[in-house]
């Protein structure tokens, strides 16, 4: 299972997209920056992932950008909330674009 987020190049805010998943289960997240590539006539050259919050979210199997899409498996190791930041950089040096993901980690056997 994977989750895909399209980042609208015309947006004016950085409102996080919200998702939930079970603890200790990695889910693939794909973030699509292709709209920015088209609008800016450049390519995504890389992405930096970071997180904060009580859910202790880790990233594995991060992929290089392909057609503006970046991919990583996110795993939360305990129940809580995590805020994930994906920062895309562009080949022409134009300003970075940030996409926030708010991840709610649940432990079904404890609910």
PDB file of N, CA and C in Angstrom:
ATOM      1  N   UNK A   1       0.841  -1.168   0.000  1.00  0.00           N
ATOM      2  CA  UNK A   1       0.000   0.000   0.000  1.00  0.00           C
ATOM      3  C   UNK A   1       0.893   1.240   0.000  1.00  0.00           C
ATOM      4  N   UNK A   2       0.475   2.238  -0.743  1.00  0.00           N
ATOM      5  CA  UNK A   2       1.230   3.487  -0.744  1.00  0.00           C
ATOM      6  C   UNK A   2       0.264   4.666  -0.703  1.00  0.00           C
ATOM      7  N   UNK A   3       0.794   5.775  -0.307  1.00  0.00           N
ATOM      8  CA  UNK A   3       0.018   7.007  -0.254  1.00  0.00           C
ATOM      9  C   UNK A   3       0.736   8.026  -1.114  1.00  0.00           C
ATOM     10  N   UNK A   4      -0.028   8.714  -1.939  1.00  0.00           N
ATOM     11  CA  UNK A   4       0.559   9.694  -2.852  1.00  0.00           C
ATOM     12  C   UNK A   4       0.003  11.074  -2.538  1.00  0.00           C
ATOM     13  N   UNK A   5       0.895  12.041  -2.482  1.00  0.00           N
ATOM     14  CA  UNK A   5       0.520  13.428  -2.225  1.00  0.00           C
ATOM     15  C   UNK A   5       0.980  14.262  -3.415  1.00  0.00           C
ATOM     16  N   UNK A   6       0.033  14.938  -4.049  1.00  0.00           N
ATOM     17  CA  UNK A   6       0.368  15.859  -5.128  1.00  0.00           C
ATOM     18  C   UNK A   6       0.534  17.246  -4.527  1.00  0.00           C
ATOM     19  N   UNK A   7       1.672  17.868  -4.762  1.00  0.00           N
ATOM     20  CA  UNK A   7       1.948  19.192  -4.233  1.00  0.00           C
ATOM     21  C   UNK A   7       1.560  20.217  -5.299  1.00  0.00           C
ATOM     22  N   UNK A   8       0.523  20.979  -5.016  1.00  0.00           N
ATOM     23  CA  UNK A   8      -0.023  21.963  -5.951  1.00  0.00           C
ATOM     24  C   UNK A   8       0.919  23.164  -6.068  1.00  0.00           C
ATOM     25  N   UNK A   9       1.423  23.449  -7.275  1.00  0.00           N
ATOM     26  CA  UNK A   9       2.358  24.565  -7.417  1.00  0.00           C
ATOM     27  C   UNK A   9       1.707  25.936  -7.250  1.00  0.00           C
ATOM     28  N   UNK A  10       0.387  25.993  -7.197  1.00  0.00           N
ATOM     29  CA  UNK A  10      -0.317  27.265  -7.058  1.00  0.00           C
ATOM     30  C   UNK A  10      -0.809  27.529  -5.643  1.00  0.00           C
ATOM     31  N   UNK A  11      -0.504  26.639  -4.723  1.00  0.00           N
ATOM     32  CA  UNK A  11      -0.992  26.814  -3.353  1.00  0.00           C
ATOM     33  C   UNK A  11      -0.271  27.972  -2.666  1.00  0.00           C
ATOM     34  N   UNK A  12      -0.928  28.479  -1.650  1.00  0.00           N
ATOM     35  CA  UNK A  12      -0.367  29.606  -0.913  1.00  0.00           C
ATOM     36  C   UNK A  12      -0.091  29.263   0.549  1.00  0.00           C
ATOM     37  N   UNK A  13      -0.285  28.015   0.935  1.00  0.00           N
ATOM     38  CA  UNK A  13      -0.072  27.653   2.330  1.00  0.00           C
ATOM     39  C   UNK A  13       0.725  26.362   2.417  1.00  0.00           C
ATOM     40  N   UNK A  14       1.055  25.996   3.623  1.00  0.00           N
ATOM     41  CA  UNK A  14       1.819  24.765   3.847  1.00  0.00           C
ATOM     42  C   UNK A  14       1.045  23.858   4.795  1.00  0.00           C
ATOM     43  N   UNK A  15      -0.265  23.807   4.636  1.00  0.00           N
ATOM     44  CA  UNK A  15      -1.088  22.969   5.498  1.00  0.00           C
ATOM     45  C   UNK A  15      -0.673  21.510   5.356  1.00  0.00           C
ATOM     46  N   UNK A  16      -0.411  20.829   6.469  1.00  0.00           N
ATOM     47  CA  UNK A  16       0.004  19.428   6.380  1.00  0.00           C
ATOM     48  C   UNK A  16      -1.133  18.527   5.894  1.00  0.00           C
ATOM     49  N   UNK A  17      -0.777  17.526   5.141  1.00  0.00           N
ATOM     50  CA  UNK A  17      -1.726  16.474   4.776  1.00  0.00           C
ATOM     51  C   UNK A  17      -1.717  15.481   5.924  1.00  0.00           C
ATOM     52  N   UNK A  18      -2.886  14.967   6.298  1.00  0.00           N
ATOM     53  CA  UNK A  18      -2.973  14.074   7.458  1.00  0.00           C
ATOM     54  C   UNK A  18      -3.233  12.638   7.044  1.00  0.00           C
ATOM     55  N   UNK A  19      -2.513  11.720   7.716  1.00  0.00           N
ATOM     56  CA  UNK A  19      -2.655  10.288   7.475  1.00  0.00           C
ATOM     57  C   UNK A  19      -2.556   9.562   8.810  1.00  0.00           C
ATOM     58  N   UNK A  20      -3.015   8.325   8.824  1.00  0.00           N
ATOM     59  CA  UNK A  20      -2.808   7.480  10.003  1.00  0.00           C
ATOM     60  C   UNK A  20      -2.314   6.118   9.542  1.00  0.00           C
ATOM     61  N   UNK A  21      -1.579   5.471  10.424  1.00  0.00           N
ATOM     62  CA  UNK A  21      -1.079   4.131  10.142  1.00  0.00           C
ATOM     63  C   UNK A  21      -0.766   3.451  11.460  1.00  0.00           C
ATOM     64  N   UNK A  22      -0.627   2.137  11.398  1.00  0.00           N
ATOM     65  CA  UNK A  22      -0.329   1.356  12.598  1.00  0.00           C
ATOM     66  C   UNK A  22       1.152   1.447  12.959  1.00  0.00           C
ATOM     67  N   UNK A  23       1.408   1.333  14.257  1.00  0.00           N
ATOM     68  CA  UNK A  23       2.781   1.333  14.742  1.00  0.00           C
ATOM     69  C   UNK A  23       3.545   0.148  14.161  1.00  0.00           C
ATOM     70  N   UNK A  24       4.806   0.352  13.901  1.00  0.00           N
ATOM     71  CA  UNK A  24       5.726  -0.669  13.391  1.00  0.00           C
ATOM     72  C   UNK A  24       5.360  -1.208  12.013  1.00  0.00           C
ATOM     73  N   UNK A  25       4.469  -0.534  11.305  1.00  0.00           N
ATOM     74  CA  UNK A  25       4.176  -0.936   9.930  1.00  0.00           C
ATOM     75  C   UNK A  25       4.622   0.188   9.010  1.00  0.00           C
ATOM     76  N   UNK A  26       5.537  -0.132   8.133  1.00  0.00           N
ATOM     77  CA  UNK A  26       6.026   0.867   7.197  1.00  0.00           C
ATOM     78  C   UNK A  26       5.067   1.039   6.034  1.00  0.00           C
ATOM     79  N   UNK A  27       4.792   2.273   5.690  1.00  0.00           N
ATOM     80  CA  UNK A  27       3.971   2.569   4.523  1.00  0.00           C
ATOM     81  C   UNK A  27       4.772   3.447   3.576  1.00  0.00           C
ATOM     82  N   UNK A  28       4.570   3.214   2.295  1.00  0.00           N
ATOM     83  CA  UNK A  28       5.264   3.993   1.291  1.00  0.00           C
ATOM     84  C   UNK A  28       4.494   5.296   1.045  1.00  0.00           C
ATOM     85  N   UNK A  29       5.215   6.397   1.093  1.00  0.00           N
ATOM     86  CA  UNK A  29       4.651   7.702   0.780  1.00  0.00           C
ATOM     87  C   UNK A  29       5.367   8.242  -0.445  1.00  0.00           C
ATOM     88  N   UNK A  30       4.575   8.685  -1.417  1.00  0.00           N
ATOM     89  CA  UNK A  30       5.118   9.292  -2.627  1.00  0.00           C
ATOM     90  C   UNK A  30       4.661  10.748  -2.644  1.00  0.00           C
ATOM     91  N   UNK A  31       5.618  11.639  -2.777  1.00  0.00           N
ATOM     92  CA  UNK A  31       5.281  13.054  -2.853  1.00  0.00           C
ATOM     93  C   UNK A  31       5.633  13.538  -4.249  1.00  0.00           C
ATOM     94  N   UNK A  32       4.619  14.073  -4.922  1.00  0.00           N
ATOM     95  CA  UNK A  32       4.719  14.443  -6.328  1.00  0.00           C
ATOM     96  C   UNK A  32       4.923  15.953  -6.474  1.00  0.00           C
ATOM     97  N   UNK A  33       6.149  16.334  -6.798  1.00  0.00           N
ATOM     98  CA  UNK A  33       6.492  17.739  -7.023  1.00  0.00           C
ATOM     99  C   UNK A  33       6.517  18.078  -8.514  1.00  0.00           C
ATOM    100  N   UNK A  34       5.961  17.225  -9.366  1.00  0.00           N
ATOM    101  CA  UNK A  34       6.054  17.424 -10.822  1.00  0.00           C
ATOM    102  C   UNK A  34       5.400  18.722 -11.281  1.00  0.00           C
ATOM    103  N   UNK A  35       4.367  19.168 -10.578  1.00  0.00           N
ATOM    104  CA  UNK A  35       3.743  20.443 -10.939  1.00  0.00           C
ATOM    105  C   UNK A  35       4.721  21.606 -10.825  1.00  0.00           C
ATOM    106  N   UNK A  36       5.581  21.542  -9.809  1.00  0.00           N
ATOM    107  CA  UNK A  36       6.609  22.576  -9.656  1.00  0.00           C
ATOM    108  C   UNK A  36       7.655  22.464 -10.753  1.00  0.00           C
ATOM    109  N   UNK A  37       7.985  21.241 -11.145  1.00  0.00           N
ATOM    110  CA  UNK A  37       8.943  21.062 -12.235  1.00  0.00           C
ATOM    111  C   UNK A  37       8.417  21.716 -13.510  1.00  0.00           C
ATOM    112  N   UNK A  38       7.152  21.477 -13.800  1.00  0.00           N
ATOM    113  CA  UNK A  38       6.544  22.044 -15.001  1.00  0.00           C
ATOM    114  C   UNK A  38       6.478  23.562 -14.914  1.00  0.00           C
ATOM    115  N   UNK A  39       5.995  24.068 -13.796  1.00  0.00           N
ATOM    116  CA  UNK A  39       5.829  25.512 -13.631  1.00  0.00           C
ATOM    117  C   UNK A  39       7.163  26.249 -13.683  1.00  0.00           C
ATOM    118  N   UNK A  40       8.206  25.655 -13.125  1.00  0.00           N
ATOM    119  CA  UNK A  40       9.519  26.309 -13.049  1.00  0.00           C
ATOM    120  C   UNK A  40      10.475  25.902 -14.173  1.00  0.00           C
ATOM    121  N   UNK A  41      10.061  24.969 -15.001  1.00  0.00           N
ATOM    122  CA  UNK A  41      10.916  24.462 -16.093  1.00  0.00           C
ATOM    123  C   UNK A  41      12.265  23.976 -15.569  1.00  0.00           C
ATOM    124  N   UNK A  42      12.216  23.174 -14.526  1.00  0.00           N
ATOM    125  CA  UNK A  42      13.425  22.594 -13.941  1.00  0.00           C
ATOM    126  C   UNK A  42      13.071  21.230 -13.373  1.00  0.00           C
ATOM    127  N   UNK A  43      14.013  20.587 -12.719  1.00  0.00           N
ATOM    128  CA  UNK A  43      13.749  19.270 -12.135  1.00  0.00           C
ATOM    129  C   UNK A  43      14.080  19.273 -10.650  1.00  0.00           C
ATOM    130  N   UNK A  44      13.446  18.350  -9.929  1.00  0.00           N
ATOM    131  CA  UNK A  44      13.767  18.148  -8.518  1.00  0.00           C
ATOM    132  C   UNK A  44      15.113  17.424  -8.475  1.00  0.00           C
ATOM    133  N   UNK A  45      16.059  18.007  -7.757  1.00  0.00           N
ATOM    134  CA  UNK A  45      17.388  17.393  -7.699  1.00  0.00           C
ATOM    135  C   UNK A  45      17.590  16.550  -6.446  1.00  0.00           C
ATOM    136  N   UNK A  46      16.756  16.765  -5.439  1.00  0.00           N
ATOM    137  CA  UNK A  46      16.886  15.986  -4.216  1.00  0.00           C
ATOM    138  C   UNK A  46      15.806  16.346  -3.224  1.00  0.00           C
ATOM    139  N   UNK A  47      15.708  15.533  -2.184  1.00  0.00           N
ATOM    140  CA  UNK A  47      14.739  15.803  -1.126  1.00  0.00           C
ATOM    141  C   UNK A  47      15.371  15.443   0.209  1.00  0.00           C
ATOM    142  N   UNK A  48      15.027  16.215   1.218  1.00  0.00           N
ATOM    143  CA  UNK A  48      15.481  15.954   2.574  1.00  0.00           C
ATOM    144  C   UNK A  48      14.263  15.656   3.421  1.00  0.00           C
ATOM    145  N   UNK A  49      14.299  14.552   4.155  1.00  0.00           N
ATOM    146  CA  UNK A  49      13.203  14.147   5.031  1.00  0.00           C
ATOM    147  C   UNK A  49      13.609  14.405   6.477  1.00  0.00           C
ATOM    148  N   UNK A  50      12.676  14.910   7.278  1.00  0.00           N
ATOM    149  CA  UNK A  50      12.916  15.068   8.711  1.00  0.00           C
ATOM    150  C   UNK A  50      11.592  14.889   9.439  1.00  0.00           C
ATOM    151  N   UNK A  51      11.669  14.610  10.736  1.00  0.00           N
ATOM    152  CA  UNK A  51      10.436  14.436  11.504  1.00  0.00           C
ATOM    153  C   UNK A  51      10.636  14.884  12.936  1.00  0.00           C
ATOM    154  N   UNK A  52       9.513  15.169  13.573  1.00  0.00           N
ATOM    155  CA  UNK A  52       9.503  15.501  14.990  1.00  0.00           C
ATOM    156  C   UNK A  52       8.188  15.003  15.560  1.00  0.00           C
ATOM    157  N   UNK A  53       8.132  14.889  16.852  1.00  0.00           N
ATOM    158  CA  UNK A  53       6.898  14.448  17.498  1.00  0.00           C
ATOM    159  C   UNK A  53       7.089  13.178  18.294  1.00  0.00           C
ATOM    160  N   UNK A  54       6.013  12.758  18.959  1.00  0.00           N
ATOM    161  CA  UNK A  54       6.077  11.624  19.888  1.00  0.00           C
ATOM    162  C   UNK A  54       6.078  10.263  19.207  1.00  0.00           C
ATOM    163  N   UNK A  55       5.752  10.180  17.923  1.00  0.00           N
ATOM    164  CA  UNK A  55       5.624   8.893  17.248  1.00  0.00           C
ATOM    165  C   UNK A  55       6.950   8.286  16.806  1.00  0.00           C
ATOM    166  N   UNK A  56       8.033   9.016  16.901  1.00  0.00           N
ATOM    167  CA  UNK A  56       9.351   8.534  16.487  1.00  0.00           C
ATOM    168  C   UNK A  56       9.318   7.918  15.083  1.00  0.00           C
ATOM    169  N   UNK A  57       9.068   8.735  14.102  1.00  0.00           N
ATOM    170  CA  UNK A  57       8.963   8.273  12.715  1.00  0.00           C
ATOM    171  C   UNK A  57      10.347   8.190  12.087  1.00  0.00           C
ATOM    172  N   UNK A  58      10.592   7.060  11.431  1.00  0.00           N
ATOM    173  CA  UNK A  58      11.852   6.853  10.725  1.00  0.00           C
ATOM    174  C   UNK A  58      11.579   6.690   9.235  1.00  0.00           C
ATOM    175  N   UNK A  59      12.616   6.893   8.432  1.00  0.00           N
ATOM    176  CA  UNK A  59      12.507   6.819   6.979  1.00  0.00           C
ATOM    177  C   UNK A  59      13.444   5.740   6.474  1.00  0.00           C
ATOM    178  N   UNK A  60      12.967   4.925   5.562  1.00  0.00           N
ATOM    179  CA  UNK A  60      13.809   3.918   4.928  1.00  0.00           C
ATOM    180  C   UNK A  60      13.506   3.887   3.446  1.00  0.00           C
ATOM    181  N   UNK A  61      14.394   3.304   2.686  1.00  0.00           N
ATOM    182  CA  UNK A  61      14.221   3.116   1.246  1.00  0.00           C
ATOM    183  C   UNK A  61      13.860   4.407   0.532  1.00  0.00           C
ATOM    184  N   UNK A  62      14.532   5.478   0.923  1.00  0.00           N
ATOM    185  CA  UNK A  62      14.295   6.743   0.238  1.00  0.00           C
ATOM    186  C   UNK A  62      14.794   6.628  -1.191  1.00  0.00           C
ATOM    187  N   UNK A  63      14.008   7.145  -2.122  1.00  0.00           N
ATOM    188  CA  UNK A  63      14.405   7.047  -3.527  1.00  0.00           C
ATOM    189  C   UNK A  63      14.796   8.412  -4.065  1.00  0.00           C
ATOM    190  N   UNK A  64      15.631   8.377  -5.094  1.00  0.00           N
ATOM    191  CA  UNK A  64      15.985   9.602  -5.805  1.00  0.00           C
ATOM    192  C   UNK A  64      14.760  10.082  -6.578  1.00  0.00           C
ATOM    193  N   UNK A  65      14.664  11.377  -6.808  1.00  0.00           N
ATOM    194  CA  UNK A  65      13.510  11.880  -7.563  1.00  0.00           C
ATOM    195  C   UNK A  65      13.426  11.263  -8.951  1.00  0.00           C
ATOM    196  N   UNK A  66      12.226  10.924  -9.353  1.00  0.00           N
ATOM    197  CA  UNK A  66      11.961  10.397 -10.692  1.00  0.00           C
ATOM    198  C   UNK A  66      10.705  11.070 -11.209  1.00  0.00           C
ATOM    199  N   UNK A  67      10.844  11.850 -12.262  1.00  0.00           N
ATOM    200  CA  UNK A  67       9.725  12.612 -12.828  1.00  0.00           C
ATOM    201  C   UNK A  67       9.047  13.477 -11.769  1.00  0.00           C
ATOM    202  N   UNK A  68       9.839  14.011 -10.860  1.00  0.00           N
ATOM    203  CA  UNK A  68       9.311  14.897  -9.836  1.00  0.00           C
ATOM    204  C   UNK A  68       8.723  14.211  -8.625  1.00  0.00           C
ATOM    205  N   UNK A  69       8.766  12.884  -8.595  1.00  0.00           N
ATOM    206  CA  UNK A  69       8.176  12.126  -7.491  1.00  0.00           C
ATOM    207  C   UNK A  69       9.283  11.564  -6.606  1.00  0.00           C
ATOM    208  N   UNK A  70       9.156  11.795  -5.298  1.00  0.00           N
ATOM    209  CA  UNK A  70      10.097  11.233  -4.328  1.00  0.00           C
ATOM    210  C   UNK A  70       9.345  10.240  -3.457  1.00  0.00           C
ATOM    211  N   UNK A  71      10.048   9.224  -2.994  1.00  0.00           N
ATOM    212  CA  UNK A  71       9.415   8.130  -2.267  1.00  0.00           C
ATOM    213  C   UNK A  71      10.228   7.775  -1.027  1.00  0.00           C
ATOM    214  N   UNK A  72       9.515   7.427   0.045  1.00  0.00           N
ATOM    215  CA  UNK A  72      10.169   6.899   1.253  1.00  0.00           C
ATOM    216  C   UNK A  72       9.158   6.052   2.002  1.00  0.00           C
ATOM    217  N   UNK A  73       9.649   5.061   2.738  1.00  0.00           N
ATOM    218  CA  UNK A  73       8.820   4.286   3.649  1.00  0.00           C
ATOM    219  C   UNK A  73       8.910   4.943   5.021  1.00  0.00           C
ATOM    220  N   UNK A  74       7.753   5.251   5.602  1.00  0.00           N
ATOM    221  CA  UNK A  74       7.701   5.866   6.922  1.00  0.00           C
ATOM    222  C   UNK A  74       7.181   4.848   7.919  1.00  0.00           C
ATOM    223  N   UNK A  75       7.863   4.744   9.048  1.00  0.00           N
ATOM    224  CA  UNK A  75       7.469   3.831  10.112  1.00  0.00           C
ATOM    225  C   UNK A  75       7.457   4.582  11.429  1.00  0.00           C
ATOM    226  N   UNK A  76       6.365   4.477  12.164  1.00  0.00           N
ATOM    227  CA  UNK A  76       6.281   5.038  13.511  1.00  0.00           C
ATOM    228  C   UNK A  76       6.468   3.913  14.510  1.00  0.00           C
ATOM    229  N   UNK A  77       7.352   4.117  15.463  1.00  0.00           N
ATOM    230  CA  UNK A  77       7.677   3.029  16.375  1.00  0.00           C
ATOM    231  C   UNK A  77       6.798   2.985  17.618  1.00  0.00           C
ATOM    232  N   UNK A  78       6.015   4.027  17.850  1.00  0.00           N
ATOM    233  CA  UNK A  78       5.103   3.991  18.990  1.00  0.00           C
ATOM    234  C   UNK A  78       3.924   4.918  18.741  1.00  0.00           C
ATOM    235  N   UNK A  79       2.880   4.697  19.492  1.00  0.00           N
ATOM    236  CA  UNK A  79       1.655   5.477  19.344  1.00  0.00           C
ATOM    237  C   UNK A  79       1.929   6.963  19.590  1.00  0.00           C
ATOM    238  N   UNK A  80       1.343   7.795  18.773  1.00  0.00           N
ATOM    239  CA  UNK A  80       1.500   9.234  18.921  1.00  0.00           C
ATOM    240  C   UNK A  80       1.336   9.933  17.592  1.00  0.00           C
ATOM    241  N   UNK A  81       1.802  11.148  17.572  1.00  0.00           N
ATOM    242  CA  UNK A  81       1.715  11.954  16.355  1.00  0.00           C
ATOM    243  C   UNK A  81       3.111  12.358  15.926  1.00  0.00           C
ATOM    244  N   UNK A  82       3.276  12.407  14.637  1.00  0.00           N
ATOM    245  CA  UNK A  82       4.544  12.847  14.086  1.00  0.00           C
ATOM    246  C   UNK A  82       4.297  13.848  12.979  1.00  0.00           C
ATOM    247  N   UNK A  83       5.178  14.794  12.856  1.00  0.00           N
ATOM    248  CA  UNK A  83       5.115  15.773  11.789  1.00  0.00           C
ATOM    249  C   UNK A  83       6.335  15.550  10.908  1.00  0.00           C
ATOM    250  N   UNK A  84       6.080  15.215   9.649  1.00  0.00           N
ATOM    251  CA  UNK A  84       7.143  14.908   8.704  1.00  0.00           C
ATOM    252  C   UNK A  84       7.281  16.070   7.729  1.00  0.00           C
ATOM    253  N   UNK A  85       8.519  16.418   7.454  1.00  0.00           N
ATOM    254  CA  UNK A  85       8.809  17.509   6.526  1.00  0.00           C
ATOM    255  C   UNK A  85       9.623  16.952   5.366  1.00  0.00           C
ATOM    256  N   UNK A  86       9.114  17.124   4.154  1.00  0.00           N
ATOM    257  CA  UNK A  86       9.856  16.747   2.953  1.00  0.00           C
ATOM    258  C   UNK A  86      10.201  18.038   2.216  1.00  0.00           C
ATOM    259  N   UNK A  87      11.490  18.310   2.092  1.00  0.00           N
ATOM    260  CA  UNK A  87      11.949  19.542   1.458  1.00  0.00           C
ATOM    261  C   UNK A  87      12.612  19.202   0.135  1.00  0.00           C
ATOM    262  N   UNK A  88      12.001  19.651  -0.959  1.00  0.00           N
ATOM    263  CA  UNK A  88      12.539  19.389  -2.295  1.00  0.00           C
ATOM    264  C   UNK A  88      13.428  20.539  -2.726  1.00  0.00           C
ATOM    265  N   UNK A  89      14.587  20.192  -3.279  1.00  0.00           N
ATOM    266  CA  UNK A  89      15.473  21.204  -3.867  1.00  0.00           C
ATOM    267  C   UNK A  89      15.453  21.002  -5.388  1.00  0.00           C
ATOM    268  N   UNK A  90      15.751  22.069  -6.104  1.00  0.00           N
ATOM    269  CA  UNK A  90      15.628  22.056  -7.552  1.00  0.00           C
ATOM    270  C   UNK A  90      16.965  22.297  -8.239  1.00  0.00           C
ATOM    271  N   UNK A  91      17.109  21.718  -9.417  1.00  0.00           N
ATOM    272  CA  UNK A  91      18.373  21.742 -10.149  1.00  0.00           C
ATOM    273  C   UNK A  91      18.819  23.159 -10.507  1.00  0.00           C
ATOM    274  N   UNK A  92      17.888  24.075 -10.730  1.00  0.00           N
ATOM    275  CA  UNK A  92      18.266  25.430 -11.131  1.00  0.00           C
ATOM    276  C   UNK A  92      18.504  26.365  -9.946  1.00  0.00           C
ATOM    277  N   UNK A  93      18.394  25.837  -8.736  1.00  0.00           N
ATOM    278  CA  UNK A  93      18.620  26.657  -7.551  1.00  0.00           C
ATOM    279  C   UNK A  93      17.427  27.481  -7.131  1.00  0.00           C
ATOM    280  N   UNK A  94      16.270  27.284  -7.778  1.00  0.00           N
ATOM    281  CA  UNK A  94      15.073  28.028  -7.375  1.00  0.00           C
ATOM    282  C   UNK A  94      14.685  27.633  -5.952  1.00  0.00           C
ATOM    283  N   UNK A  95      13.856  28.430  -5.281  1.00  0.00           N
ATOM    284  CA  UNK A  95      13.551  28.176  -3.864  1.00  0.00           C
ATOM    285  C   UNK A  95      13.021  26.765  -3.594  1.00  0.00           C
ATOM    286  N   UNK A  96      13.450  26.226  -2.454  1.00  0.00           N
ATOM    287  CA  UNK A  96      12.977  24.913  -2.030  1.00  0.00           C
ATOM    288  C   UNK A  96      11.469  24.934  -1.803  1.00  0.00           C
ATOM    289  N   UNK A  97      10.864  23.758  -1.913  1.00  0.00           N
ATOM    290  CA  UNK A  97       9.435  23.594  -1.647  1.00  0.00           C
ATOM    291  C   UNK A  97       9.288  22.571  -0.529  1.00  0.00           C
ATOM    292  N   UNK A  98       8.456  22.894   0.452  1.00  0.00           N
ATOM    293  CA  UNK A  98       8.252  22.027   1.608  1.00  0.00           C
ATOM    294  C   UNK A  98       6.851  21.436   1.563  1.00  0.00           C
ATOM    295  N   UNK A  99       6.756  20.143   1.827  1.00  0.00           N
ATOM    296  CA  UNK A  99       5.459  19.488   2.032  1.00  0.00           C
ATOM    297  C   UNK A  99       5.478  18.861   3.407  1.00  0.00           C
ATOM    298  N   UNK A 100       4.467  19.172   4.207  1.00  0.00           N
ATOM    299  CA  UNK A 100       4.326  18.622   5.549  1.00  0.00           C
ATOM    300  C   UNK A 100       3.348  17.469   5.526  1.00  0.00           C
ATOM    301  N   UNK A 101       3.622  16.435   6.310  1.00  0.00           N
ATOM    302  CA  UNK A 101       2.708  15.307   6.510  1.00  0.00           C
ATOM    303  C   UNK A 101       2.510  15.140   8.009  1.00  0.00           C
ATOM    304  N   UNK A 102       1.265  15.092   8.431  1.00  0.00           N
ATOM    305  CA  UNK A 102       0.961  14.839   9.839  1.00  0.00           C
ATOM    306  C   UNK A 102       0.538  13.379   9.924  1.00  0.00           C
ATOM    307  N   UNK A 103       1.334  12.574  10.622  1.00  0.00           N
ATOM    308  CA  UNK A 103       1.100  11.137  10.698  1.00  0.00           C
ATOM    309  C   UNK A 103       0.635  10.772  12.108  1.00  0.00           C
ATOM    310  N   UNK A 104      -0.521  10.135  12.188  1.00  0.00           N
ATOM    311  CA  UNK A 104      -1.043   9.635  13.459  1.00  0.00           C
ATOM    312  C   UNK A 104      -0.711   8.142  13.529  1.00  0.00           C
ATOM    313  N   UNK A 105       0.090   7.766  14.494  1.00  0.00           N
ATOM    314  CA  UNK A 105       0.483   6.368  14.659  1.00  0.00           C
ATOM    315  C   UNK A 105      -0.424   5.740  15.711  1.00  0.00           C
ATOM    316  N   UNK A 106      -1.032   4.630  15.349  1.00  0.00           N
ATOM    317  CA  UNK A 106      -1.977   3.940  16.227  1.00  0.00           C
ATOM    318  C   UNK A 106      -1.482   2.539  16.553  1.00  0.00           C
ATOM    319  N   UNK A 107      -1.840   2.072  17.718  1.00  0.00           N
ATOM    320  CA  UNK A 107      -1.564   0.700  18.115  1.00  0.00           C
ATOM    321  C   UNK A 107      -2.923   0.039  18.322  1.00  0.00           C
ATOM    322  N   UNK A 108      -3.438  -0.682  17.323  1.00  0.00           N
ATOM    323  CA  UNK A 108      -4.794  -1.214  17.367  1.00  0.00           C
ATOM    324  C   UNK A 108      -5.097  -2.071  18.583  1.00  0.00           C
ATOM    325  N   UNK A 109      -4.127  -2.842  19.065  1.00  0.00           N
ATOM    326  CA  UNK A 109      -4.383  -3.716  20.199  1.00  0.00           C
ATOM    327  C   UNK A 109      -4.476  -2.954  21.520  1.00  0.00           C
ATOM    328  N   UNK A 110      -4.145  -1.660  21.511  1.00  0.00           N
ATOM    329  CA  UNK A 110      -4.198  -0.859  22.738  1.00  0.00           C
ATOM    330  C   UNK A 110      -5.365   0.123  22.734  1.00  0.00           C
ATOM    331  N   UNK A 111      -6.175   0.123  21.693  1.00  0.00           N
ATOM    332  CA  UNK A 111      -7.257   1.098  21.598  1.00  0.00           C
ATOM    333  C   UNK A 111      -8.551   0.569  22.137  1.00  0.00           C
TER     334      UNK A 111
END
